Amino acid sequence: MAVPDDAPICTHLDQVRAVEPSSDGCEDCLRIGSHWVHLRVCMVCGHVGCCDNSPNRHARRHAGDADHAIVQSYEPGEDWWYCFVDDVAFELEGAPSFTHP
């Protein structure tokens, strides 16, 4: 995966693995019977969590609890990534794209 020269810097790309999303929805919200706004996939382990606009912010919680810094949007038509530690959004050329039902 190539990072464009003008991209903001994420210092955690070494954590990225080839992952499969763990769920079609926020796995933590599904477990507790809650709802979410948008979904994110952890690019270290595949955990699917809800975004910061969701009531429970499970993607951010997972990032902190598991020390997994990077997520990719799990929304149709969105390919952007985000690093919680470096607080930077970016796109990676040639990165996998996920779609969910």
Protein backbone atom coordinates (compact mmCIF):
# COMPACT_ATOMS: atom_id res chain seq x y z
CA MET A 1 0.00 0.00 0.00
CA ALA A 2 1.38 3.38 -0.95
CA VAL A 3 0.75 6.51 1.09
CA PRO A 4 0.54 9.65 -1.07
CA ASP A 5 3.38 12.14 -0.50
CA ASP A 6 0.97 14.87 0.61
CA ALA A 7 -0.93 12.64 3.07
CA PRO A 8 -1.00 13.47 6.77
CA ILE A 9 1.33 11.20 8.68
CA CYS A 10 0.17 8.14 10.58
CA THR A 11 2.96 6.44 12.50
CA HIS A 12 1.03 3.20 13.10
CA LEU A 13 0.82 1.66 9.63
CA ASP A 14 3.06 -1.17 10.83
CA GLN A 15 0.03 -2.43 12.82
CA VAL A 16 -2.10 -2.97 9.70
CA ARG A 17 -2.98 -6.56 8.86
CA ALA A 18 -5.12 -8.24 6.20
CA VAL A 19 -8.40 -8.51 8.13
CA GLU A 20 -11.94 -9.73 7.63
CA PRO A 21 -14.68 -7.68 9.31
CA SER A 22 -15.92 -9.53 12.41
CA SER A 23 -19.58 -8.59 11.94
CA ASP A 24 -22.08 -6.86 9.66
CA GLY A 25 -22.83 -4.37 12.47
CA CYS A 26 -21.15 -3.00 15.56
CA GLU A 27 -20.46 -6.22 17.42
CA ASP A 28 -20.55 -4.50 20.81
CA CYS A 29 -23.87 -2.71 20.11
CA LEU A 30 -25.37 -5.95 18.85
CA ARG A 31 -24.31 -7.67 22.09
CA ILE A 32 -25.93 -5.01 24.33
CA GLY A 33 -28.94 -4.24 22.14
CA SER A 34 -27.87 -0.70 21.26
CA HIS A 35 -27.74 1.17 17.95
CA TRP A 36 -25.02 2.90 15.94
CA VAL A 37 -24.64 5.65 13.35
CA HIS A 38 -21.67 4.52 11.21
CA LEU A 39 -19.29 1.57 11.31
CA ARG A 40 -15.50 1.23 11.41
CA VAL A 41 -13.26 -1.82 10.91
CA CYS A 42 -10.14 -2.23 13.04
CA MET A 43 -7.29 -2.77 10.60
CA VAL A 44 -5.34 -4.78 13.16
CA CYS A 45 -7.90 -7.46 14.07
CA GLY A 46 -11.12 -6.87 12.06
CA HIS A 47 -13.29 -5.77 15.01
CA VAL A 48 -16.33 -3.86 13.74
CA GLY A 49 -17.25 -0.95 16.00
CA CYS A 50 -19.41 2.14 15.87
CA CYS A 51 -18.15 5.65 15.13
CA ASP A 52 -17.67 8.63 17.43
CA ASN A 53 -21.11 9.97 16.46
CA SER A 54 -22.70 6.80 17.84
CA PRO A 55 -23.83 6.74 21.48
CA ASN A 56 -21.25 4.14 22.59
CA ARG A 57 -18.22 4.97 20.41
CA HIS A 58 -17.15 1.33 20.36
CA ALA A 59 -14.51 1.70 17.63
CA ARG A 60 -12.63 4.27 19.72
CA ARG A 61 -13.09 2.19 22.88
CA HIS A 62 -11.71 -0.89 21.11
CA ALA A 63 -8.73 1.12 19.83
CA GLY A 64 -7.87 2.21 23.36
CA ASP A 65 -8.54 -1.12 25.08
CA ALA A 66 -6.72 -3.26 22.50
CA ASP A 67 -4.04 -0.69 21.56
CA HIS A 68 -5.15 -0.95 17.91
CA ALA A 69 -4.73 2.52 16.43
CA ILE A 70 -6.14 2.29 12.90
CA VAL A 71 -9.65 1.84 11.52
CA GLN A 72 -11.12 1.98 8.05
CA SER A 73 -14.63 3.18 7.31
CA TYR A 74 -17.09 0.31 6.88
CA GLU A 75 -19.61 2.46 5.06
CA PRO A 76 -20.62 1.95 1.41
CA GLY A 77 -18.54 4.09 -0.95
CA GLU A 78 -16.06 5.20 1.76
CA ASP A 79 -12.43 4.08 1.68
CA TRP A 80 -10.85 6.47 4.18
CA TRP A 81 -8.82 5.40 7.19
CA TYR A 82 -8.31 7.02 10.59
CA CYS A 83 -5.57 6.73 13.20
CA PHE A 84 -6.89 7.36 16.72
CA VAL A 85 -3.42 7.88 18.19
CA ASP A 86 -2.14 10.36 15.59
CA ASP A 87 -5.64 11.88 15.09
CA VAL A 88 -5.32 11.81 11.33
CA ALA A 89 -7.66 10.70 8.53
CA PHE A 90 -6.12 9.49 5.29
CA GLU A 91 -6.54 7.25 2.26
CA LEU A 92 -4.14 4.51 1.16
CA GLU A 93 -3.62 3.83 -2.50
CA GLY A 94 -4.34 0.16 -3.28
CA ALA A 95 -5.89 -0.53 0.13
CA PRO A 96 -8.70 -3.06 0.41
CA SER A 97 -12.25 -1.78 0.38
CA PHE A 98 -15.01 -3.28 2.50
CA THR A 99 -18.72 -3.36 1.85
CA HIS A 100 -21.34 -4.63 4.21
CA PRO A 101 -24.98 -5.60 3.75
